[in-house]
Amino acid sequence: MSYNSKIDPTEPFPEDLSTLDDCALHVLNSKVHRELDAEYLHGGAEMETEFRRDELTEELNRRVANEHRRGLSGTVSYLEHAI
């Protein structure tokens, strides 16, 4: 079995990134960024690879925002009980 640290724009890509666990999402993000690096070295990025990067960034940002909101709601709850 060989391991590829990049994902070619013609390879399958999940339709719904929200179904991936955090680890799988970060691995996929790394593979897309490594593919982008390789494409830039060979003349320019493929539109599909850039689209995938944008989708991954959006999903990662969504998860960070959700985690931040959960943290804030816990803080508000703690403060409400302290008053």
Protein backbone atom coordinates (compact mmCIF):
# COMPACT_ATOMS: atom_id res chain seq x y z
CA MET A 1 0.00 0.00 0.00
CA SER A 2 1.34 3.41 -0.91
CA TYR A 3 0.57 6.64 0.84
CA ASN A 4 0.00 9.85 -1.04
CA SER A 5 0.30 13.10 0.88
CA LYS A 6 -1.59 15.03 -1.81
CA ILE A 7 -5.04 14.72 -3.34
CA ASP A 8 -5.27 15.15 -7.09
CA PRO A 9 -8.22 17.27 -8.30
CA THR A 10 -9.59 14.23 -10.15
CA GLU A 11 -9.71 12.06 -7.02
CA PRO A 12 -12.98 11.69 -5.10
CA PHE A 13 -13.72 14.39 -2.55
CA PRO A 14 -16.42 14.30 0.15
CA GLU A 15 -19.62 16.10 -0.77
CA ASP A 16 -20.37 17.01 2.84
CA LEU A 17 -17.33 17.95 4.90
CA SER A 18 -19.43 18.27 8.05
CA THR A 19 -19.65 14.46 8.19
CA LEU A 20 -15.87 14.12 8.68
CA ASP A 21 -14.38 13.95 12.14
CA ASP A 22 -11.80 16.58 13.05
CA CYS A 23 -8.81 14.33 12.34
CA ALA A 24 -10.04 13.33 8.86
CA LEU A 25 -10.83 16.97 8.06
CA HIS A 26 -7.33 18.09 9.03
CA VAL A 27 -5.70 15.30 7.01
CA LEU A 28 -7.77 16.24 3.97
CA ASN A 29 -6.90 19.90 4.47
CA SER A 30 -3.20 19.03 4.56
CA LYS A 31 -3.46 16.94 1.39
CA VAL A 32 -5.23 19.74 -0.49
CA HIS A 33 -2.63 22.30 0.60
CA ARG A 34 0.21 19.99 -0.45
CA GLU A 35 -1.51 19.54 -3.82
CA LEU A 36 -1.82 23.31 -4.18
CA ASP A 37 1.90 23.71 -3.43
CA ALA A 38 2.76 21.15 -6.11
CA GLU A 39 0.44 22.78 -8.64
CA TYR A 40 1.93 26.22 -8.03
CA LEU A 41 5.40 24.77 -8.61
CA HIS A 42 4.23 23.45 -11.97
CA GLY A 43 2.64 26.60 -13.31
CA GLY A 44 -0.53 27.33 -11.37
CA ALA A 45 -3.32 25.89 -9.31
CA GLU A 46 -6.25 23.98 -10.72
CA MET A 47 -9.63 25.60 -10.09
CA GLU A 48 -10.94 22.40 -8.49
CA THR A 49 -8.07 22.34 -5.98
CA GLU A 50 -8.68 25.98 -5.08
CA PHE A 51 -12.40 25.27 -4.71
CA ARG A 52 -11.61 22.36 -2.39
CA ARG A 53 -9.30 24.55 -0.30
CA ASP A 54 -12.06 27.14 0.03
CA GLU A 55 -14.59 24.48 1.10
CA LEU A 56 -12.18 23.13 3.70
CA THR A 57 -11.43 26.61 5.03
CA GLU A 58 -15.15 27.31 5.34
CA GLU A 59 -15.76 24.06 7.27
CA LEU A 60 -12.77 24.62 9.56
CA ASN A 61 -13.93 28.18 10.26
CA ARG A 62 -17.45 26.91 10.98
CA ARG A 63 -16.11 24.42 13.52
CA VAL A 64 -13.94 27.03 15.22
CA ALA A 65 -16.91 29.42 15.43
CA ASN A 66 -19.15 26.67 16.86
CA GLU A 67 -16.54 25.77 19.45
CA HIS A 68 -16.12 29.44 20.34
CA ARG A 69 -19.90 29.83 20.76
CA ARG A 70 -20.05 26.75 22.99
CA GLY A 71 -17.22 28.16 25.08
CA LEU A 72 -18.95 31.52 25.38
CA SER A 73 -22.26 29.99 26.35
CA GLY A 74 -20.48 28.07 29.10
CA THR A 75 -18.86 31.29 30.29
CA VAL A 76 -22.19 33.12 30.30
CA SER A 77 -23.79 30.28 32.22
CA TYR A 78 -20.98 30.34 34.77
CA LEU A 79 -21.30 34.12 35.17
CA GLU A 80 -25.06 33.94 35.57
CA HIS A 81 -24.65 31.48 38.46
CA ALA A 82 -21.96 33.63 40.05
CA ILE A 83 -24.22 36.68 40.24
